[in-house]
Amino acid sequence: MNTLRYELVFSDGAGAARDVVTVERTLSKGPGGHPVYSDPTGIIRAEISDRGEVRVLASGGHQEPAQSVAARPLPDPDPDPADPDRDQEQKGSAGPRP
């Protein structure tokens, strides 16, 4: 499965959700060879395995490693119906022209 977006849920030791951040897949791979996901600011970066294991990656100095983080997959966004390239892709996938 190639999930494009996740919600990262940062919890305290008791398991209560404290912060939820949406991250999107980047072109990078993490130290374990899995895709790296990032929030829009680039401050939150995490490697997420195909089994949903999360490894938060340091994006700067003086960061404390997150202890309890869960990844929830989000549905992929629907393609924009106003996108002019969308029609070309659909026509191109119809097969060869006569």
N, C-alpha and C. Protein backbone atom coordinates (compact mmCIF):
# COMPACT_ATOMS: atom_id res chain seq x y z
N MET A 1 0.85 -1.18 0.00
CA MET A 1 0.00 0.00 0.00
C MET A 1 0.89 1.24 0.00
N ASN A 2 0.56 2.19 -0.83
CA ASN A 2 1.32 3.44 -0.93
C ASN A 2 0.49 4.59 -0.38
N THR A 3 0.42 4.68 0.93
CA THR A 3 -0.34 5.75 1.56
C THR A 3 0.40 7.06 1.37
N LEU A 4 -0.34 8.09 0.95
CA LEU A 4 0.27 9.39 0.70
C LEU A 4 0.26 10.30 1.92
N ARG A 5 -0.72 10.09 2.82
CA ARG A 5 -0.84 10.97 3.98
C ARG A 5 -1.18 10.16 5.23
N TYR A 6 -0.66 10.63 6.35
CA TYR A 6 -0.96 10.05 7.65
C TYR A 6 -1.26 11.17 8.64
N GLU A 7 -1.98 10.82 9.70
CA GLU A 7 -2.04 11.65 10.89
C GLU A 7 -1.09 11.02 11.89
N LEU A 8 -0.18 11.81 12.42
CA LEU A 8 0.68 11.35 13.50
C LEU A 8 0.05 11.82 14.80
N VAL A 9 -0.18 10.87 15.70
CA VAL A 9 -0.80 11.18 16.99
C VAL A 9 0.26 11.05 18.06
N PHE A 10 0.63 12.17 18.66
CA PHE A 10 1.63 12.22 19.72
C PHE A 10 0.88 12.14 21.05
N SER A 11 1.23 11.14 21.87
CA SER A 11 0.53 10.92 23.13
C SER A 11 1.49 11.04 24.31
N ASP A 12 0.90 11.28 25.48
CA ASP A 12 1.71 11.26 26.69
C ASP A 12 1.82 9.82 27.18
N GLY A 13 2.47 9.58 28.28
CA GLY A 13 2.68 8.23 28.79
C GLY A 13 1.39 7.49 29.10
N ALA A 14 0.31 8.22 29.41
CA ALA A 14 -0.96 7.59 29.75
C ALA A 14 -1.76 7.22 28.50
N GLY A 15 -1.29 7.61 27.33
CA GLY A 15 -1.98 7.29 26.09
C GLY A 15 -3.00 8.32 25.65
N ALA A 16 -3.10 9.42 26.37
CA ALA A 16 -4.03 10.48 25.97
C ALA A 16 -3.42 11.26 24.81
N ALA A 17 -4.20 11.45 23.74
CA ALA A 17 -3.71 12.20 22.58
C ALA A 17 -3.44 13.64 22.99
N ARG A 18 -2.27 14.13 22.64
CA ARG A 18 -1.91 15.51 22.94
C ARG A 18 -1.89 16.35 21.69
N ASP A 19 -1.27 15.84 20.64
CA ASP A 19 -1.14 16.60 19.39
C ASP A 19 -1.36 15.66 18.22
N VAL A 20 -2.01 16.19 17.19
CA VAL A 20 -2.21 15.45 15.95
C VAL A 20 -1.68 16.30 14.81
N VAL A 21 -0.81 15.72 13.98
CA VAL A 21 -0.19 16.44 12.87
C VAL A 21 -0.38 15.61 11.60
N THR A 22 -0.81 16.28 10.52
CA THR A 22 -0.93 15.60 9.23
C THR A 22 0.39 15.71 8.48
N VAL A 23 0.87 14.56 7.98
CA VAL A 23 2.12 14.53 7.22
C VAL A 23 1.86 13.91 5.86
N GLU A 24 2.64 14.33 4.87
CA GLU A 24 2.53 13.82 3.51
C GLU A 24 3.83 13.17 3.10
N ARG A 25 3.72 12.19 2.21
CA ARG A 25 4.88 11.45 1.74
C ARG A 25 5.83 12.36 0.97
N THR A 26 7.13 12.18 1.22
CA THR A 26 8.16 12.90 0.48
C THR A 26 8.86 11.91 -0.45
N LEU A 27 9.82 12.37 -1.18
CA LEU A 27 10.60 11.48 -2.05
C LEU A 27 11.73 10.79 -1.31
N SER A 28 11.94 11.15 -0.05
CA SER A 28 13.06 10.61 0.74
C SER A 28 12.72 9.26 1.36
N LYS A 29 13.77 8.51 1.65
CA LYS A 29 13.68 7.26 2.40
C LYS A 29 14.42 7.46 3.72
N GLY A 30 13.93 6.82 4.78
CA GLY A 30 14.57 6.93 6.08
C GLY A 30 15.65 5.90 6.27
N PRO A 31 16.25 5.86 7.46
CA PRO A 31 17.34 4.92 7.73
C PRO A 31 16.93 3.46 7.60
N GLY A 32 15.65 3.17 7.78
CA GLY A 32 15.16 1.80 7.64
C GLY A 32 14.73 1.46 6.22
N GLY A 33 14.86 2.42 5.29
CA GLY A 33 14.49 2.18 3.90
C GLY A 33 13.03 2.44 3.58
N HIS A 34 12.28 2.95 4.57
CA HIS A 34 10.85 3.23 4.37
C HIS A 34 10.65 4.70 4.00
N PRO A 35 9.49 5.03 3.43
CA PRO A 35 9.23 6.43 3.04
C PRO A 35 9.25 7.38 4.23
N VAL A 36 9.69 8.59 3.96
CA VAL A 36 9.68 9.66 4.96
C VAL A 36 8.49 10.57 4.65
N TYR A 37 7.78 10.92 5.70
CA TYR A 37 6.62 11.81 5.62
C TYR A 37 6.94 13.07 6.40
N SER A 38 6.39 14.21 5.94
CA SER A 38 6.70 15.49 6.55
C SER A 38 5.46 16.36 6.64
N ASP A 39 5.42 17.21 7.67
CA ASP A 39 4.35 18.21 7.73
C ASP A 39 4.73 19.35 6.78
N PRO A 40 3.82 20.28 6.49
CA PRO A 40 4.12 21.36 5.53
C PRO A 40 5.31 22.23 5.92
N THR A 41 5.62 22.33 7.22
CA THR A 41 6.75 23.18 7.63
C THR A 41 8.08 22.45 7.52
N GLY A 42 8.07 21.11 7.45
CA GLY A 42 9.30 20.34 7.43
C GLY A 42 9.88 20.09 8.81
N ILE A 43 9.21 20.59 9.85
CA ILE A 43 9.71 20.40 11.21
C ILE A 43 9.43 18.98 11.70
N ILE A 44 8.25 18.47 11.41
CA ILE A 44 7.90 17.10 11.79
C ILE A 44 8.20 16.20 10.61
N ARG A 45 9.14 15.28 10.81
CA ARG A 45 9.51 14.30 9.78
C ARG A 45 9.51 12.93 10.42
N ALA A 46 8.92 11.96 9.74
CA ALA A 46 8.85 10.62 10.30
C ALA A 46 8.96 9.58 9.20
N GLU A 47 9.68 8.51 9.51
CA GLU A 47 9.74 7.35 8.63
C GLU A 47 8.62 6.41 9.09
N ILE A 48 7.78 5.98 8.14
CA ILE A 48 6.66 5.11 8.49
C ILE A 48 6.77 3.85 7.65
N SER A 49 6.82 2.70 8.34
CA SER A 49 6.96 1.42 7.64
C SER A 49 5.61 0.97 7.09
N ASP A 50 5.64 -0.06 6.25
CA ASP A 50 4.40 -0.59 5.70
C ASP A 50 3.55 -1.28 6.77
N ARG A 51 4.12 -1.50 7.96
CA ARG A 51 3.36 -2.06 9.09
C ARG A 51 2.89 -0.98 10.05
N GLY A 52 3.08 0.29 9.69
CA GLY A 52 2.63 1.40 10.52
C GLY A 52 3.56 1.78 11.64
N GLU A 53 4.79 1.24 11.63
CA GLU A 53 5.77 1.61 12.65
C GLU A 53 6.32 2.99 12.34
N VAL A 54 6.41 3.82 13.36
CA VAL A 54 6.81 5.22 13.18
C VAL A 54 8.17 5.46 13.84
N ARG A 55 9.06 6.10 13.08
CA ARG A 55 10.34 6.56 13.61
C ARG A 55 10.41 8.06 13.32
N VAL A 56 10.29 8.88 14.36
CA VAL A 56 10.36 10.33 14.18
C VAL A 56 11.82 10.69 13.95
N LEU A 57 12.06 11.50 12.92
CA LEU A 57 13.41 11.89 12.53
C LEU A 57 13.69 13.32 12.97
N ALA A 58 14.87 13.55 13.47
CA ALA A 58 15.26 14.90 13.88
C ALA A 58 15.38 15.79 12.65
N SER A 59 14.79 16.97 12.73
CA SER A 59 14.90 17.92 11.62
C SER A 59 15.73 19.13 12.01
N GLY A 60 16.22 19.14 13.23
CA GLY A 60 17.04 20.24 13.70
C GLY A 60 17.65 19.89 15.06
N GLY A 61 18.44 20.79 15.58
CA GLY A 61 19.08 20.55 16.87
C GLY A 61 18.14 20.74 18.03
N HIS A 62 18.52 20.24 19.17
CA HIS A 62 17.81 20.42 20.44
C HIS A 62 16.41 19.82 20.44
N GLN A 63 16.19 18.74 19.69
CA GLN A 63 14.90 18.07 19.70
C GLN A 63 14.97 16.83 20.56
N GLU A 64 13.90 16.59 21.32
CA GLU A 64 13.80 15.38 22.11
C GLU A 64 13.05 14.34 21.30
N PRO A 65 13.53 13.09 21.29
CA PRO A 65 12.82 12.07 20.52
C PRO A 65 11.43 11.82 21.08
N ALA A 66 10.45 11.70 20.20
CA ALA A 66 9.08 11.40 20.62
C ALA A 66 9.00 9.95 21.08
N GLN A 67 8.35 9.71 22.20
CA GLN A 67 8.28 8.37 22.76
C GLN A 67 7.05 7.60 22.28
N SER A 68 5.90 8.24 22.22
CA SER A 68 4.68 7.53 21.88
C SER A 68 3.98 8.23 20.71
N VAL A 69 4.18 7.65 19.52
CA VAL A 69 3.60 8.22 18.31
C VAL A 69 2.91 7.10 17.54
N ALA A 70 1.68 7.36 17.12
CA ALA A 70 0.94 6.40 16.30
C ALA A 70 0.64 7.05 14.95
N ALA A 71 0.60 6.24 13.90
CA ALA A 71 0.29 6.73 12.56
C ALA A 71 -1.07 6.21 12.13
N ARG A 72 -1.94 7.13 11.71
CA ARG A 72 -3.25 6.75 11.19
C ARG A 72 -3.29 7.13 9.71
N PRO A 73 -3.47 6.15 8.81
CA PRO A 73 -3.52 6.48 7.39
C PRO A 73 -4.74 7.33 7.07
N LEU A 74 -4.56 8.28 6.17
CA LEU A 74 -5.65 9.13 5.70
C LEU A 74 -5.96 8.76 4.26
N PRO A 75 -7.21 8.93 3.83
CA PRO A 75 -7.53 8.65 2.43
C PRO A 75 -6.81 9.64 1.52
N ASP A 76 -6.47 9.17 0.34
CA ASP A 76 -5.82 10.05 -0.63
C ASP A 76 -6.80 11.12 -1.08
N PRO A 77 -6.33 12.33 -1.31
CA PRO A 77 -7.23 13.39 -1.77
C PRO A 77 -7.77 13.05 -3.15
N ASP A 78 -9.03 13.44 -3.38
CA ASP A 78 -9.62 13.23 -4.70
C ASP A 78 -8.95 14.12 -5.72
N PRO A 79 -8.79 13.62 -6.96
CA PRO A 79 -8.20 14.49 -7.98
C PRO A 79 -9.11 15.69 -8.24
N ASP A 80 -8.51 16.79 -8.58
CA ASP A 80 -9.23 18.02 -8.85
C ASP A 80 -9.96 17.89 -10.19
N PRO A 81 -11.31 17.94 -10.20
CA PRO A 81 -12.03 17.80 -11.46
C PRO A 81 -11.77 18.95 -12.43
N ALA A 82 -11.26 20.08 -11.92
CA ALA A 82 -10.97 21.22 -12.79
C ALA A 82 -9.57 21.15 -13.38
N ASP A 83 -8.79 20.13 -13.01
CA ASP A 83 -7.42 19.99 -13.50
C ASP A 83 -7.43 19.63 -14.98
N PRO A 84 -6.86 20.48 -15.85
CA PRO A 84 -6.88 20.19 -17.29
C PRO A 84 -6.08 18.94 -17.66
N ASP A 85 -5.08 18.58 -16.89
CA ASP A 85 -4.30 17.37 -17.19
C ASP A 85 -5.08 16.10 -16.91
N ARG A 86 -6.12 16.19 -16.07
CA ARG A 86 -6.91 15.03 -15.71
C ARG A 86 -7.56 14.42 -16.95
N ASP A 87 -8.11 15.25 -17.86
CA ASP A 87 -8.75 14.75 -19.07
C ASP A 87 -7.74 14.07 -19.97
N GLN A 88 -6.53 14.61 -20.08
CA GLN A 88 -5.49 14.01 -20.92
C GLN A 88 -5.10 12.63 -20.41
N GLU A 89 -5.00 12.51 -19.08
CA GLU A 89 -4.63 11.22 -18.50
C GLU A 89 -5.71 10.19 -18.77
N GLN A 90 -6.98 10.59 -18.67
CA GLN A 90 -8.06 9.65 -18.90
C GLN A 90 -8.10 9.23 -20.37
N LYS A 91 -7.90 10.17 -21.28
CA LYS A 91 -7.89 9.84 -22.71
C LYS A 91 -6.72 8.95 -23.07
N GLY A 92 -5.57 9.22 -22.46
CA GLY A 92 -4.38 8.45 -22.74
C GLY A 92 -4.47 7.02 -22.25
N SER A 93 -5.30 6.77 -21.25
CA SER A 93 -5.39 5.42 -20.70
C SER A 93 -6.44 4.58 -21.42
N ALA A 94 -7.14 5.15 -22.38
CA ALA A 94 -8.18 4.43 -23.08
C ALA A 94 -7.63 3.43 -24.10
N GLY A 95 -6.36 3.50 -24.36
CA GLY A 95 -5.76 2.56 -25.31
C GLY A 95 -5.41 3.26 -26.61
N PRO A 96 -4.96 2.50 -27.60
CA PRO A 96 -4.55 3.12 -28.86
C PRO A 96 -5.74 3.65 -29.64
N ARG A 97 -5.47 4.71 -30.39
CA ARG A 97 -6.52 5.29 -31.24
C ARG A 97 -6.58 4.53 -32.56
N PRO A 98 -7.78 4.47 -33.14
CA PRO A 98 -7.91 3.76 -34.44
C PRO A 98 -7.25 4.51 -35.57
